[in-house]
Amino acid sequence: MSGMTDIVFLLLIFFMLTSTLIVPLAQDLELPESNNQTQSNPVLVVSIAPDRSIWVDDQSYNLGELENVLRLKLESYGEAPTVRLNADKNLNMEEVFAFLDIAKRNSYKVILGTRPGN
């Protein structure tokens, strides 16, 4: 009987540890669908909501201060850190292109956050 209890506790610990690895969305976004899911470990998650607000680490910023915020947060991660961009699928693409320009100027790798397709 104690063997079964050990297994249950090990499973509990496993699920507790793996659930902390999931990156939550800062905002309630409707991500675009994609059948091509790539696994990557982004250093930072940037979310752009439909109301054009930009979120980094659960804090809202405007587009003008985003580049300085990203530089401060990513300066200790080496030459080309990876940033995950969660952009709402109903968003005007101007904000996405502005973010991509910032990423290109600073040599950040960008992956687009999507949800699995049907």
N, C-alpha and C. Protein backbone atom coordinates (compact mmCIF):
# COMPACT_ATOMS: atom_id res chain seq x y z
N MET A 1 0.81 -1.19 0.00
CA MET A 1 0.00 0.00 0.00
C MET A 1 0.86 1.26 0.00
N SER A 2 2.00 1.23 0.72
CA SER A 2 2.84 2.42 0.77
C SER A 2 3.51 2.69 -0.59
N GLY A 3 3.69 1.64 -1.40
CA GLY A 3 4.25 1.82 -2.74
C GLY A 3 3.32 2.64 -3.63
N MET A 4 2.02 2.39 -3.52
CA MET A 4 1.03 3.14 -4.29
C MET A 4 0.98 4.60 -3.85
N THR A 5 1.13 4.84 -2.55
CA THR A 5 1.14 6.21 -2.04
C THR A 5 2.36 6.95 -2.57
N ASP A 6 3.51 6.28 -2.62
CA ASP A 6 4.71 6.92 -3.16
C ASP A 6 4.52 7.31 -4.62
N ILE A 7 3.91 6.44 -5.40
CA ILE A 7 3.68 6.72 -6.81
C ILE A 7 2.74 7.92 -6.97
N VAL A 8 1.70 7.98 -6.17
CA VAL A 8 0.74 9.09 -6.25
C VAL A 8 1.45 10.40 -5.91
N PHE A 9 2.28 10.41 -4.88
CA PHE A 9 2.99 11.63 -4.52
C PHE A 9 4.00 12.03 -5.59
N LEU A 10 4.68 11.07 -6.20
CA LEU A 10 5.60 11.39 -7.29
C LEU A 10 4.87 11.99 -8.48
N LEU A 11 3.71 11.43 -8.81
CA LEU A 11 2.91 12.01 -9.90
C LEU A 11 2.44 13.41 -9.57
N LEU A 12 2.04 13.61 -8.34
CA LEU A 12 1.61 14.94 -7.91
C LEU A 12 2.73 15.96 -8.05
N ILE A 13 3.91 15.58 -7.61
CA ILE A 13 5.07 16.47 -7.72
C ILE A 13 5.39 16.74 -9.19
N PHE A 14 5.33 15.71 -10.02
CA PHE A 14 5.60 15.88 -11.45
C PHE A 14 4.64 16.88 -12.08
N PHE A 15 3.36 16.75 -11.82
CA PHE A 15 2.38 17.65 -12.42
C PHE A 15 2.49 19.07 -11.86
N MET A 16 2.87 19.19 -10.61
CA MET A 16 3.06 20.52 -10.05
C MET A 16 4.25 21.23 -10.71
N LEU A 17 5.32 20.50 -10.96
CA LEU A 17 6.50 21.09 -11.59
C LEU A 17 6.25 21.44 -13.06
N THR A 18 5.61 20.54 -13.79
CA THR A 18 5.39 20.81 -15.21
C THR A 18 4.35 21.89 -15.45
N SER A 19 3.41 22.06 -14.54
CA SER A 19 2.41 23.11 -14.73
C SER A 19 3.00 24.50 -14.56
N THR A 20 4.12 24.63 -13.85
CA THR A 20 4.76 25.93 -13.68
C THR A 20 5.55 26.33 -14.92
N LEU A 21 5.78 25.42 -15.84
CA LEU A 21 6.52 25.73 -17.06
C LEU A 21 5.65 26.36 -18.13
N ILE A 22 4.34 26.36 -17.96
CA ILE A 22 3.44 26.93 -18.94
C ILE A 22 3.42 28.44 -18.77
N VAL A 23 3.60 29.17 -19.89
CA VAL A 23 3.64 30.63 -19.83
C VAL A 23 2.21 31.16 -19.99
N PRO A 24 1.67 31.80 -18.95
CA PRO A 24 0.32 32.32 -19.06
C PRO A 24 0.28 33.60 -19.88
N LEU A 25 -0.87 33.89 -20.47
CA LEU A 25 -1.05 35.13 -21.21
C LEU A 25 -1.32 36.26 -20.23
N ALA A 26 -0.70 37.40 -20.46
CA ALA A 26 -0.93 38.55 -19.60
C ALA A 26 -2.32 39.10 -19.80
N GLN A 27 -2.83 39.00 -21.00
CA GLN A 27 -4.14 39.51 -21.34
C GLN A 27 -4.96 38.38 -21.93
N ASP A 28 -6.25 38.60 -22.00
CA ASP A 28 -7.14 37.62 -22.61
C ASP A 28 -7.11 37.82 -24.11
N LEU A 29 -6.23 37.11 -24.79
CA LEU A 29 -6.02 37.29 -26.22
C LEU A 29 -6.58 36.12 -27.00
N GLU A 30 -7.01 36.39 -28.21
CA GLU A 30 -7.42 35.33 -29.12
C GLU A 30 -6.29 35.17 -30.13
N LEU A 31 -5.45 34.17 -29.90
CA LEU A 31 -4.29 33.95 -30.75
C LEU A 31 -4.70 33.32 -32.06
N PRO A 32 -3.93 33.56 -33.13
CA PRO A 32 -4.23 32.91 -34.40
C PRO A 32 -3.97 31.41 -34.32
N GLU A 33 -4.64 30.65 -35.17
CA GLU A 33 -4.46 29.19 -35.20
C GLU A 33 -3.30 28.83 -36.11
N SER A 34 -2.64 27.73 -35.78
CA SER A 34 -1.58 27.21 -36.61
C SER A 34 -1.46 25.71 -36.39
N ASN A 35 -1.22 24.98 -37.47
CA ASN A 35 -0.99 23.55 -37.36
C ASN A 35 0.48 23.23 -37.15
N ASN A 36 1.34 24.22 -37.35
CA ASN A 36 2.79 24.04 -37.18
C ASN A 36 3.21 24.63 -35.84
N GLN A 37 3.28 23.80 -34.84
CA GLN A 37 3.68 24.24 -33.51
C GLN A 37 5.16 23.96 -33.33
N THR A 38 5.92 24.99 -33.00
CA THR A 38 7.35 24.87 -32.75
C THR A 38 7.59 25.09 -31.27
N GLN A 39 8.33 24.20 -30.66
CA GLN A 39 8.65 24.33 -29.25
C GLN A 39 9.92 25.16 -29.11
N SER A 40 9.86 26.18 -28.31
CA SER A 40 11.02 27.02 -28.04
C SER A 40 10.90 27.55 -26.63
N ASN A 41 12.00 27.95 -26.07
CA ASN A 41 12.00 28.50 -24.71
C ASN A 41 12.27 29.99 -24.78
N PRO A 42 11.21 30.79 -24.89
CA PRO A 42 11.45 32.23 -24.96
C PRO A 42 11.91 32.77 -23.61
N VAL A 43 12.72 33.80 -23.68
CA VAL A 43 13.22 34.45 -22.49
C VAL A 43 12.17 35.39 -21.93
N LEU A 44 11.38 36.00 -22.82
CA LEU A 44 10.41 37.02 -22.44
C LEU A 44 9.18 36.90 -23.32
N VAL A 45 8.02 37.18 -22.76
CA VAL A 45 6.77 37.14 -23.51
C VAL A 45 6.21 38.55 -23.60
N VAL A 46 5.95 39.00 -24.83
CA VAL A 46 5.34 40.31 -25.09
C VAL A 46 3.96 40.05 -25.68
N SER A 47 2.94 40.67 -25.09
CA SER A 47 1.56 40.49 -25.56
C SER A 47 1.01 41.83 -26.04
N ILE A 48 0.34 41.79 -27.18
CA ILE A 48 -0.31 42.98 -27.71
C ILE A 48 -1.81 42.69 -27.77
N ALA A 49 -2.58 43.44 -26.99
CA ALA A 49 -4.03 43.23 -26.87
C ALA A 49 -4.76 43.97 -27.99
N PRO A 50 -6.04 43.63 -28.21
CA PRO A 50 -6.81 44.30 -29.26
C PRO A 50 -6.95 45.80 -29.06
N ASP A 51 -6.86 46.27 -27.82
CA ASP A 51 -6.95 47.71 -27.56
C ASP A 51 -5.60 48.41 -27.75
N ARG A 52 -4.63 47.72 -28.35
CA ARG A 52 -3.30 48.22 -28.68
C ARG A 52 -2.40 48.39 -27.46
N SER A 53 -2.80 47.87 -26.31
CA SER A 53 -1.92 47.92 -25.15
C SER A 53 -0.88 46.81 -25.26
N ILE A 54 0.32 47.11 -24.82
CA ILE A 54 1.45 46.18 -24.93
C ILE A 54 1.84 45.76 -23.52
N TRP A 55 1.91 44.45 -23.31
CA TRP A 55 2.18 43.91 -21.98
C TRP A 55 3.49 43.15 -21.99
N VAL A 56 4.34 43.43 -21.00
CA VAL A 56 5.58 42.70 -20.77
C VAL A 56 5.60 42.37 -19.28
N ASP A 57 5.69 41.10 -18.96
CA ASP A 57 5.71 40.65 -17.56
C ASP A 57 4.54 41.23 -16.76
N ASP A 58 3.35 41.12 -17.26
CA ASP A 58 2.13 41.56 -16.58
C ASP A 58 2.10 43.06 -16.28
N GLN A 59 2.86 43.84 -17.02
CA GLN A 59 2.84 45.28 -16.86
C GLN A 59 2.66 45.92 -18.23
N SER A 60 1.80 46.93 -18.29
CA SER A 60 1.47 47.59 -19.54
C SER A 60 2.46 48.71 -19.87
N TYR A 61 2.83 48.78 -21.15
CA TYR A 61 3.72 49.82 -21.64
C TYR A 61 3.15 50.38 -22.95
N ASN A 62 3.60 51.58 -23.32
CA ASN A 62 3.22 52.08 -24.64
C ASN A 62 4.36 51.79 -25.61
N LEU A 63 4.08 51.95 -26.89
CA LEU A 63 5.04 51.57 -27.92
C LEU A 63 6.33 52.39 -27.83
N GLY A 64 6.23 53.63 -27.39
CA GLY A 64 7.40 54.49 -27.30
C GLY A 64 8.43 54.03 -26.28
N GLU A 65 7.98 53.42 -25.20
CA GLU A 65 8.91 52.98 -24.16
C GLU A 65 9.26 51.50 -24.25
N LEU A 66 8.69 50.80 -25.23
CA LEU A 66 8.89 49.35 -25.33
C LEU A 66 10.35 48.98 -25.60
N GLU A 67 11.01 49.69 -26.49
CA GLU A 67 12.37 49.32 -26.84
C GLU A 67 13.30 49.42 -25.63
N ASN A 68 13.18 50.48 -24.85
CA ASN A 68 14.03 50.62 -23.65
C ASN A 68 13.72 49.55 -22.61
N VAL A 69 12.44 49.22 -22.45
CA VAL A 69 12.05 48.17 -21.50
C VAL A 69 12.64 46.83 -21.92
N LEU A 70 12.55 46.50 -23.21
CA LEU A 70 13.10 45.24 -23.70
C LEU A 70 14.62 45.20 -23.53
N ARG A 71 15.30 46.30 -23.81
CA ARG A 71 16.75 46.33 -23.62
C ARG A 71 17.14 46.06 -22.17
N LEU A 72 16.42 46.69 -21.24
CA LEU A 72 16.73 46.49 -19.82
C LEU A 72 16.48 45.05 -19.39
N LYS A 73 15.37 44.47 -19.85
CA LYS A 73 15.02 43.12 -19.42
C LYS A 73 15.86 42.05 -20.10
N LEU A 74 16.39 42.33 -21.28
CA LEU A 74 17.09 41.30 -22.05
C LEU A 74 18.60 41.48 -22.10
N GLU A 75 19.14 42.49 -21.43
CA GLU A 75 20.57 42.75 -21.54
C GLU A 75 21.43 41.63 -20.94
N SER A 76 20.92 40.88 -20.01
CA SER A 76 21.72 39.83 -19.38
C SER A 76 21.58 38.47 -20.06
N TYR A 77 20.85 38.40 -21.18
CA TYR A 77 20.60 37.11 -21.83
C TYR A 77 21.46 36.84 -23.04
N GLY A 78 22.49 37.59 -23.23
CA GLY A 78 23.40 37.29 -24.32
C GLY A 78 23.08 38.05 -25.60
N GLU A 79 23.60 37.50 -26.70
CA GLU A 79 23.60 38.21 -27.97
C GLU A 79 22.25 38.23 -28.69
N ALA A 80 21.52 37.13 -28.73
CA ALA A 80 20.26 37.07 -29.49
C ALA A 80 19.19 36.33 -28.69
N PRO A 81 18.62 36.96 -27.67
CA PRO A 81 17.59 36.28 -26.88
C PRO A 81 16.31 36.09 -27.68
N THR A 82 15.52 35.10 -27.29
CA THR A 82 14.27 34.80 -27.96
C THR A 82 13.11 35.44 -27.22
N VAL A 83 12.25 36.13 -27.97
CA VAL A 83 11.08 36.79 -27.42
C VAL A 83 9.86 36.17 -28.09
N ARG A 84 8.87 35.82 -27.28
CA ARG A 84 7.61 35.30 -27.82
C ARG A 84 6.62 36.45 -27.92
N LEU A 85 6.02 36.61 -29.10
CA LEU A 85 5.04 37.65 -29.33
C LEU A 85 3.66 37.03 -29.38
N ASN A 86 2.81 37.40 -28.42
CA ASN A 86 1.41 37.00 -28.42
C ASN A 86 0.59 38.19 -28.90
N ALA A 87 0.15 38.13 -30.14
CA ALA A 87 -0.62 39.23 -30.72
C ALA A 87 -2.01 38.72 -31.04
N ASP A 88 -3.03 39.44 -30.61
CA ASP A 88 -4.40 39.06 -30.88
C ASP A 88 -4.62 38.99 -32.39
N LYS A 89 -5.39 37.98 -32.83
CA LYS A 89 -5.57 37.79 -34.27
C LYS A 89 -6.41 38.90 -34.90
N ASN A 90 -7.17 39.65 -34.13
CA ASN A 90 -7.98 40.74 -34.66
C ASN A 90 -7.25 42.08 -34.62
N LEU A 91 -5.99 42.07 -34.27
CA LEU A 91 -5.20 43.28 -34.10
C LEU A 91 -4.76 43.82 -35.45
N ASN A 92 -4.72 45.15 -35.55
CA ASN A 92 -4.14 45.79 -36.73
C ASN A 92 -2.65 45.47 -36.72
N MET A 93 -2.09 45.20 -37.86
CA MET A 93 -0.71 44.72 -37.93
C MET A 93 0.34 45.81 -37.70
N GLU A 94 -0.04 47.08 -37.58
CA GLU A 94 0.94 48.14 -37.38
C GLU A 94 1.75 47.93 -36.11
N GLU A 95 1.09 47.53 -35.02
CA GLU A 95 1.80 47.30 -33.76
C GLU A 95 2.76 46.11 -33.87
N VAL A 96 2.33 45.08 -34.59
CA VAL A 96 3.18 43.91 -34.77
C VAL A 96 4.43 44.29 -35.56
N PHE A 97 4.25 45.06 -36.64
CA PHE A 97 5.40 45.48 -37.44
C PHE A 97 6.32 46.40 -36.65
N ALA A 98 5.76 47.26 -35.82
CA ALA A 98 6.59 48.13 -34.98
C ALA A 98 7.42 47.30 -34.02
N PHE A 99 6.81 46.25 -33.43
CA PHE A 99 7.55 45.36 -32.53
C PHE A 99 8.64 44.62 -33.29
N LEU A 100 8.32 44.14 -34.49
CA LEU A 100 9.32 43.42 -35.28
C LEU A 100 10.49 44.32 -35.67
N ASP A 101 10.23 45.60 -35.92
CA ASP A 101 11.31 46.55 -36.19
C ASP A 101 12.22 46.70 -34.98
N ILE A 102 11.63 46.79 -33.80
CA ILE A 102 12.42 46.88 -32.56
C ILE A 102 13.27 45.62 -32.40
N ALA A 103 12.67 44.46 -32.64
CA ALA A 103 13.39 43.20 -32.50
C ALA A 103 14.55 43.12 -33.50
N LYS A 104 14.32 43.57 -34.72
CA LYS A 104 15.37 43.52 -35.73
C LYS A 104 16.53 44.45 -35.37
N ARG A 105 16.22 45.66 -34.91
CA ARG A 105 17.28 46.61 -34.53
C ARG A 105 18.14 46.08 -33.40
N ASN A 106 17.55 45.29 -32.52
CA ASN A 106 18.27 44.80 -31.34
C ASN A 106 18.69 43.33 -31.44
N SER A 107 18.50 42.73 -32.61
CA SER A 107 18.90 41.33 -32.87
C SER A 107 18.21 40.33 -31.96
N TYR A 108 16.92 40.54 -31.69
CA TYR A 108 16.15 39.57 -30.92
C TYR A 108 15.55 38.55 -31.88
N LYS A 109 15.51 37.30 -31.45
CA LYS A 109 14.78 36.28 -32.19
C LYS A 109 13.33 36.35 -31.73
N VAL A 110 12.40 36.25 -32.67
CA VAL A 110 10.98 36.38 -32.33
C VAL A 110 10.25 35.13 -32.79
N ILE A 111 9.44 34.58 -31.88
CA ILE A 111 8.51 33.52 -32.26
C ILE A 111 7.11 34.04 -32.01
N LEU A 112 6.19 33.62 -32.85
CA LEU A 112 4.81 34.08 -32.76
C LEU A 112 4.00 33.07 -31.97
N GLY A 113 3.32 33.53 -30.93
CA GLY A 113 2.47 32.67 -30.13
C GLY A 113 1.19 32.35 -30.90
N THR A 114 0.88 31.07 -31.03
CA THR A 114 -0.36 30.63 -31.70
C THR A 114 -1.03 29.58 -30.86
N ARG A 115 -2.28 29.28 -31.21
CA ARG A 115 -2.97 28.16 -30.57
C ARG A 115 -3.07 27.03 -31.58
N PRO A 116 -3.11 25.80 -31.13
CA PRO A 116 -3.17 24.67 -32.04
C PRO A 116 -4.43 24.71 -32.90
N GLY A 117 -4.27 24.40 -34.19
CA GLY A 117 -5.41 24.34 -35.11
C GLY A 117 -6.19 23.07 -34.93
N ASN A 118 -7.35 23.04 -35.54
CA ASN A 118 -8.21 21.84 -35.43
C ASN A 118 -7.75 20.72 -36.29
